[in-house]
């Protein structure tokens, strides 16, 4: 078993890890992440999302460099955008990066706060809701929030909220309410039927 997975299991079980650096330095998975080269912006986004699942990984120089890149090229004043412009914010990427930042211990940074505010202000958790976000990036990739909001965007947002509640604070009433809304919407779905018609498809 890779030492990074051992570290994750120890942390998840609530154990205090006195020397996480030894786990990180011995990890083949960490080495593979560190050896990635010539990544596109999207590649760096996914690398950060992946490595953030490993506890204490923000201590590593290459992870800090990834965060610096994201801060300079992906983060906007409104949230995380794959284009680097607020017009290009897409709910699932914004939520995935928010969760990554929280896991890296960066949940109180301005970048994470902007991403959280975007979700709590603009993400919809039900069908046929009025969208108040005025930019069209959310409609370019199959329709993140048309009459039927993208299930992935809702799922990633709920996951980010749950991580926020666990690692940052559990007394944000807006976040707690939206977790319940998001879960209720997802639980309506039967994966083998269309929600709109209740028919197999």
C-alpha atoms as a PDB file:
ATOM      1  CA  UNK A   1       0.000   0.000   0.000  1.00  0.00           C
ATOM      2  CA  UNK A   2       1.330   3.423  -0.929  1.00  0.00           C
ATOM      3  CA  UNK A   3       2.439   5.475   2.072  1.00  0.00           C
ATOM      4  CA  UNK A   4       0.209   8.393   0.995  1.00  0.00           C
ATOM      5  CA  UNK A   5      -2.824   6.119   1.295  1.00  0.00           C
ATOM      6  CA  UNK A   6      -1.611   4.928   4.695  1.00  0.00           C
ATOM      7  CA  UNK A   7      -1.322   8.568   5.751  1.00  0.00           C
ATOM      8  CA  UNK A   8      -4.845   9.311   4.520  1.00  0.00           C
ATOM      9  CA  UNK A   9      -6.228   6.325   6.411  1.00  0.00           C
ATOM     10  CA  UNK A  10      -4.505   7.383   9.627  1.00  0.00           C
ATOM     11  CA  UNK A  11      -5.827  10.930   9.341  1.00  0.00           C
ATOM     12  CA  UNK A  12      -9.341   9.756   8.470  1.00  0.00           C
ATOM     13  CA  UNK A  13      -9.349   7.497  11.532  1.00  0.00           C
ATOM     14  CA  UNK A  14      -8.518  10.472  13.744  1.00  0.00           C
ATOM     15  CA  UNK A  15      -4.980   9.461  14.648  1.00  0.00           C
ATOM     16  CA  UNK A  16      -2.341  12.114  15.273  1.00  0.00           C
ATOM     17  CA  UNK A  17       0.513  11.781  12.779  1.00  0.00           C
ATOM     18  CA  UNK A  18       3.741  13.008  14.338  1.00  0.00           C
ATOM     19  CA  UNK A  19       5.843  12.967  11.164  1.00  0.00           C
ATOM     20  CA  UNK A  20       3.743  13.193   7.987  1.00  0.00           C
ATOM     21  CA  UNK A  21       6.802  14.138   5.925  1.00  0.00           C
ATOM     22  CA  UNK A  22       8.121  10.580   6.131  1.00  0.00           C
ATOM     23  CA  UNK A  23       4.913   9.267   4.560  1.00  0.00           C
ATOM     24  CA  UNK A  24       5.042  11.908   1.833  1.00  0.00           C
ATOM     25  CA  UNK A  25       8.705  11.333   0.994  1.00  0.00           C
ATOM     26  CA  UNK A  26       8.223   7.570   0.608  1.00  0.00           C
ATOM     27  CA  UNK A  27       5.081   7.796  -1.540  1.00  0.00           C
ATOM     28  CA  UNK A  28       5.300   6.595  -5.141  1.00  0.00           C
ATOM     29  CA  UNK A  29       2.041   8.405  -5.829  1.00  0.00           C
ATOM     30  CA  UNK A  30       3.549  11.692  -4.674  1.00  0.00           C
ATOM     31  CA  UNK A  31       6.565  11.063  -6.911  1.00  0.00           C
ATOM     32  CA  UNK A  32       4.264  10.563  -9.896  1.00  0.00           C
ATOM     33  CA  UNK A  33       2.463  13.818  -9.172  1.00  0.00           C
ATOM     34  CA  UNK A  34       5.762  15.659  -8.717  1.00  0.00           C
ATOM     35  CA  UNK A  35       7.152  14.297 -12.000  1.00  0.00           C
ATOM     36  CA  UNK A  36       4.254  15.533 -14.135  1.00  0.00           C
ATOM     37  CA  UNK A  37       5.528  17.907 -16.812  1.00  0.00           C
ATOM     38  CA  UNK A  38       4.173  20.230 -19.496  1.00  0.00           C
ATOM     39  CA  UNK A  39       0.702  20.265 -17.998  1.00  0.00           C
ATOM     40  CA  UNK A  40      -2.000  22.433 -19.491  1.00  0.00           C
ATOM     41  CA  UNK A  41      -4.064  24.638 -17.213  1.00  0.00           C
ATOM     42  CA  UNK A  42      -6.672  21.896 -17.030  1.00  0.00           C
ATOM     43  CA  UNK A  43      -3.950  19.369 -16.255  1.00  0.00           C
ATOM     44  CA  UNK A  44      -2.690  21.492 -13.373  1.00  0.00           C
ATOM     45  CA  UNK A  45      -6.228  21.869 -12.058  1.00  0.00           C
ATOM     46  CA  UNK A  46      -6.712  18.101 -11.976  1.00  0.00           C
ATOM     47  CA  UNK A  47      -3.244  17.532 -10.516  1.00  0.00           C
ATOM     48  CA  UNK A  48      -4.078  19.871  -7.641  1.00  0.00           C
ATOM     49  CA  UNK A  49      -7.487  18.289  -7.103  1.00  0.00           C
ATOM     50  CA  UNK A  50      -5.859  14.861  -6.970  1.00  0.00           C
ATOM     51  CA  UNK A  51      -2.918  15.657  -4.720  1.00  0.00           C
ATOM     52  CA  UNK A  52      -5.166  17.606  -2.328  1.00  0.00           C
ATOM     53  CA  UNK A  53      -6.703  14.279  -1.300  1.00  0.00           C
ATOM     54  CA  UNK A  54      -3.387  13.467   0.404  1.00  0.00           C
ATOM     55  CA  UNK A  55      -3.146  15.007   3.890  1.00  0.00           C
ATOM     56  CA  UNK A  56      -0.313  17.469   4.529  1.00  0.00           C
ATOM     57  CA  UNK A  57       0.521  17.648   0.809  1.00  0.00           C
ATOM     58  CA  UNK A  58       0.561  21.455   0.915  1.00  0.00           C
ATOM     59  CA  UNK A  59       3.929  21.120   2.658  1.00  0.00           C
ATOM     60  CA  UNK A  60       5.405  20.004  -0.681  1.00  0.00           C
ATOM     61  CA  UNK A  61       7.032  22.589  -2.927  1.00  0.00           C
ATOM     62  CA  UNK A  62       5.428  21.371  -6.159  1.00  0.00           C
ATOM     63  CA  UNK A  63       1.981  21.582  -4.551  1.00  0.00           C
ATOM     64  CA  UNK A  64       2.663  25.137  -3.430  1.00  0.00           C
ATOM     65  CA  UNK A  65       3.717  25.917  -7.005  1.00  0.00           C
ATOM     66  CA  UNK A  66       0.460  24.454  -8.324  1.00  0.00           C
ATOM     67  CA  UNK A  67      -1.500  26.620  -5.899  1.00  0.00           C
ATOM     68  CA  UNK A  68       0.443  29.699  -7.004  1.00  0.00           C
ATOM     69  CA  UNK A  69      -0.384  28.890 -10.630  1.00  0.00           C
ATOM     70  CA  UNK A  70      -4.078  28.455  -9.824  1.00  0.00           C
ATOM     71  CA  UNK A  71      -4.122  31.705  -7.851  1.00  0.00           C
ATOM     72  CA  UNK A  72      -2.545  33.596 -10.742  1.00  0.00           C
ATOM     73  CA  UNK A  73      -4.304  31.958 -13.700  1.00  0.00           C
ATOM     74  CA  UNK A  74      -7.559  30.348 -12.565  1.00  0.00           C
ATOM     75  CA  UNK A  75      -8.809  32.219  -9.487  1.00  0.00           C
ATOM     76  CA  UNK A  76     -10.919  35.316 -10.104  1.00  0.00           C
ATOM     77  CA  UNK A  77     -12.602  37.740  -7.738  1.00  0.00           C
ATOM     78  CA  UNK A  78     -15.806  35.741  -8.252  1.00  0.00           C
ATOM     79  CA  UNK A  79     -14.514  32.167  -8.051  1.00  0.00           C
ATOM     80  CA  UNK A  80     -12.361  29.663  -9.915  1.00  0.00           C
ATOM     81  CA  UNK A  81     -12.594  29.766 -13.711  1.00  0.00           C
ATOM     82  CA  UNK A  82     -10.947  27.406 -16.197  1.00  0.00           C
ATOM     83  CA  UNK A  83     -10.447  30.394 -18.504  1.00  0.00           C
ATOM     84  CA  UNK A  84      -9.105  32.704 -15.811  1.00  0.00           C
ATOM     85  CA  UNK A  85     -12.024  35.082 -16.389  1.00  0.00           C
ATOM     86  CA  UNK A  86     -15.180  35.257 -14.317  1.00  0.00           C
ATOM     87  CA  UNK A  87     -17.246  34.818 -17.478  1.00  0.00           C
ATOM     88  CA  UNK A  88     -15.860  31.286 -17.709  1.00  0.00           C
ATOM     89  CA  UNK A  89     -16.784  30.042 -14.236  1.00  0.00           C
ATOM     90  CA  UNK A  90     -18.210  26.519 -14.421  1.00  0.00           C
ATOM     91  CA  UNK A  91     -19.908  25.155 -11.281  1.00  0.00           C
ATOM     92  CA  UNK A  92     -18.199  21.768 -11.100  1.00  0.00           C
ATOM     93  CA  UNK A  93     -14.645  23.097 -11.515  1.00  0.00           C
ATOM     94  CA  UNK A  94     -15.277  25.927  -9.077  1.00  0.00           C
ATOM     95  CA  UNK A  95     -16.561  23.452  -6.490  1.00  0.00           C
ATOM     96  CA  UNK A  96     -13.790  20.901  -7.045  1.00  0.00           C
ATOM     97  CA  UNK A  97     -11.109  23.541  -6.599  1.00  0.00           C
ATOM     98  CA  UNK A  98     -12.853  24.913  -3.524  1.00  0.00           C
ATOM     99  CA  UNK A  99     -12.772  21.458  -1.965  1.00  0.00           C
ATOM    100  CA  UNK A 100      -9.108  21.033  -2.932  1.00  0.00           C
ATOM    101  CA  UNK A 101      -8.207  24.336  -1.282  1.00  0.00           C
ATOM    102  CA  UNK A 102     -10.068  23.349   1.873  1.00  0.00           C
ATOM    103  CA  UNK A 103      -8.278  19.989   2.024  1.00  0.00           C
ATOM    104  CA  UNK A 104      -4.951  21.780   1.589  1.00  0.00           C
ATOM    105  CA  UNK A 105      -5.736  23.991   4.577  1.00  0.00           C
ATOM    106  CA  UNK A 106      -6.525  27.001   2.391  1.00  0.00           C
ATOM    107  CA  UNK A 107     -10.224  27.265   3.184  1.00  0.00           C
ATOM    108  CA  UNK A 108      -9.851  30.751   4.674  1.00  0.00           C
ATOM    109  CA  UNK A 109      -8.002  32.260   1.698  1.00  0.00           C
ATOM    110  CA  UNK A 110      -9.667  34.907  -0.446  1.00  0.00           C
ATOM    111  CA  UNK A 111      -9.704  32.486  -3.382  1.00  0.00           C
ATOM    112  CA  UNK A 112     -11.630  29.871  -1.413  1.00  0.00           C
ATOM    113  CA  UNK A 113     -13.983  32.463   0.056  1.00  0.00           C
ATOM    114  CA  UNK A 114     -14.788  33.772  -3.432  1.00  0.00           C
ATOM    115  CA  UNK A 115     -15.509  30.261  -4.684  1.00  0.00           C
ATOM    116  CA  UNK A 116     -17.741  29.539  -1.703  1.00  0.00           C
ATOM    117  CA  UNK A 117     -19.616  32.804  -2.149  1.00  0.00           C
ATOM    118  CA  UNK A 118     -20.213  32.014  -5.827  1.00  0.00           C
ATOM    119  CA  UNK A 119     -21.808  28.677  -4.963  1.00  0.00           C
ATOM    120  CA  UNK A 120     -23.959  30.032  -2.139  1.00  0.00           C
ATOM    121  CA  UNK A 121     -25.102  32.941  -4.315  1.00  0.00           C
ATOM    122  CA  UNK A 122     -25.546  31.421  -7.773  1.00  0.00           C
ATOM    123  CA  UNK A 123     -25.675  27.617  -7.750  1.00  0.00           C
ATOM    124  CA  UNK A 124     -29.208  26.256  -8.071  1.00  0.00           C
ATOM    125  CA  UNK A 125     -30.288  23.028  -6.398  1.00  0.00           C
ATOM    126  CA  UNK A 126     -33.626  22.449  -8.108  1.00  0.00           C
ATOM    127  CA  UNK A 127     -35.158  22.474 -11.586  1.00  0.00           C
ATOM    128  CA  UNK A 128     -36.691  25.511 -13.282  1.00  0.00           C
ATOM    129  CA  UNK A 129     -34.993  28.065 -11.054  1.00  0.00           C
ATOM    130  CA  UNK A 130     -34.168  31.607 -12.120  1.00  0.00           C
ATOM    131  CA  UNK A 131     -30.437  32.046 -12.661  1.00  0.00           C
ATOM    132  CA  UNK A 132     -29.066  35.393 -11.519  1.00  0.00           C
ATOM    133  CA  UNK A 133     -25.458  34.855 -12.676  1.00  0.00           C
ATOM    134  CA  UNK A 134     -25.196  37.024 -15.778  1.00  0.00           C
ATOM    135  CA  UNK A 135     -22.338  35.322 -17.642  1.00  0.00           C
ATOM    136  CA  UNK A 136     -22.745  32.497 -20.128  1.00  0.00           C
ATOM    137  CA  UNK A 137     -19.882  30.160 -19.211  1.00  0.00           C
ATOM    138  CA  UNK A 138     -22.385  28.114 -17.231  1.00  0.00           C
ATOM    139  CA  UNK A 139     -24.339  27.441 -20.421  1.00  0.00           C
ATOM    140  CA  UNK A 140     -21.520  26.523 -22.823  1.00  0.00           C
ATOM    141  CA  UNK A 141     -20.773  22.970 -21.757  1.00  0.00           C
ATOM    142  CA  UNK A 142     -24.111  21.248 -22.126  1.00  0.00           C
ATOM    143  CA  UNK A 143     -25.966  23.622 -19.841  1.00  0.00           C
ATOM    144  CA  UNK A 144     -24.683  23.679 -16.273  1.00  0.00           C
ATOM    145  CA  UNK A 145     -27.733  25.552 -15.044  1.00  0.00           C
ATOM    146  CA  UNK A 146     -30.466  25.617 -17.643  1.00  0.00           C
ATOM    147  CA  UNK A 147     -33.980  24.471 -16.715  1.00  0.00           C
ATOM    148  CA  UNK A 148     -32.420  21.187 -15.614  1.00  0.00           C
ATOM    149  CA  UNK A 149     -29.267  21.946 -13.594  1.00  0.00           C
ATOM    150  CA  UNK A 150     -26.267  19.706 -14.131  1.00  0.00           C
ATOM    151  CA  UNK A 151     -26.247  16.871 -11.626  1.00  0.00           C
ATOM    152  CA  UNK A 152     -22.434  16.952 -11.486  1.00  0.00           C
ATOM    153  CA  UNK A 153     -22.319  20.620 -10.509  1.00  0.00           C
ATOM    154  CA  UNK A 154     -24.783  20.004  -7.705  1.00  0.00           C
ATOM    155  CA  UNK A 155     -22.939  16.905  -6.511  1.00  0.00           C
ATOM    156  CA  UNK A 156     -19.547  18.616  -6.496  1.00  0.00           C
ATOM    157  CA  UNK A 157     -21.011  21.628  -4.700  1.00  0.00           C
ATOM    158  CA  UNK A 158     -22.530  19.450  -1.980  1.00  0.00           C
ATOM    159  CA  UNK A 159     -19.242  17.592  -1.582  1.00  0.00           C
ATOM    160  CA  UNK A 160     -17.362  20.898  -1.258  1.00  0.00           C
ATOM    161  CA  UNK A 161     -19.902  22.070   1.330  1.00  0.00           C
ATOM    162  CA  UNK A 162     -19.495  18.867   3.354  1.00  0.00           C
ATOM    163  CA  UNK A 163     -15.716  19.248   3.330  1.00  0.00           C
ATOM    164  CA  UNK A 164     -16.101  22.905   4.315  1.00  0.00           C
ATOM    165  CA  UNK A 165     -18.371  21.903   7.192  1.00  0.00           C
ATOM    166  CA  UNK A 166     -15.900  19.260   8.369  1.00  0.00           C
ATOM    167  CA  UNK A 167     -12.667  21.214   8.055  1.00  0.00           C
ATOM    168  CA  UNK A 168     -13.525  24.927   8.259  1.00  0.00           C
ATOM    169  CA  UNK A 169     -16.714  25.506  10.244  1.00  0.00           C
ATOM    170  CA  UNK A 170     -19.959  23.660  10.840  1.00  0.00           C
ATOM    171  CA  UNK A 171     -22.010  26.698  11.855  1.00  0.00           C
ATOM    172  CA  UNK A 172     -22.486  28.364   8.462  1.00  0.00           C
ATOM    173  CA  UNK A 173     -26.285  28.279   8.249  1.00  0.00           C
ATOM    174  CA  UNK A 174     -26.385  28.985   4.508  1.00  0.00           C
ATOM    175  CA  UNK A 175     -23.987  26.142   3.741  1.00  0.00           C
ATOM    176  CA  UNK A 176     -25.878  23.755   6.018  1.00  0.00           C
ATOM    177  CA  UNK A 177     -29.192  24.632   4.361  1.00  0.00           C
ATOM    178  CA  UNK A 178     -27.787  24.191   0.853  1.00  0.00           C
ATOM    179  CA  UNK A 179     -26.343  20.806   1.787  1.00  0.00           C
ATOM    180  CA  UNK A 180     -29.869  19.679   2.633  1.00  0.00           C
ATOM    181  CA  UNK A 181     -31.291  21.184  -0.569  1.00  0.00           C
ATOM    182  CA  UNK A 182     -28.618  19.530  -2.681  1.00  0.00           C
ATOM    183  CA  UNK A 183     -29.012  16.147  -1.029  1.00  0.00           C
ATOM    184  CA  UNK A 184     -32.784  16.308  -1.383  1.00  0.00           C
ATOM    185  CA  UNK A 185     -32.460  17.042  -5.107  1.00  0.00           C
ATOM    186  CA  UNK A 186     -29.985  14.227  -5.687  1.00  0.00           C
ATOM    187  CA  UNK A 187     -32.043  11.715  -3.733  1.00  0.00           C
ATOM    188  CA  UNK A 188     -35.007  12.367  -6.033  1.00  0.00           C
ATOM    189  CA  UNK A 189     -33.059  10.777  -8.864  1.00  0.00           C
ATOM    190  CA  UNK A 190     -33.160   7.133  -9.802  1.00  0.00           C
ATOM    191  CA  UNK A 191     -30.047   6.497 -11.838  1.00  0.00           C
ATOM    192  CA  UNK A 192     -31.879   4.161 -14.196  1.00  0.00           C
ATOM    193  CA  UNK A 193     -34.807   6.516 -14.913  1.00  0.00           C
ATOM    194  CA  UNK A 194     -35.334  10.022 -16.200  1.00  0.00           C
ATOM    195  CA  UNK A 195     -36.495  12.266 -13.364  1.00  0.00           C
ATOM    196  CA  UNK A 196     -38.717  14.242 -15.759  1.00  0.00           C
ATOM    197  CA  UNK A 197     -40.727  11.257 -17.024  1.00  0.00           C
ATOM    198  CA  UNK A 198     -39.988   8.444 -14.536  1.00  0.00           C
ATOM    199  CA  UNK A 199     -39.319   6.264 -17.578  1.00  0.00           C
ATOM    200  CA  UNK A 200     -36.467   3.842 -18.176  1.00  0.00           C
ATOM    201  CA  UNK A 201     -34.056   5.310 -20.716  1.00  0.00           C
END
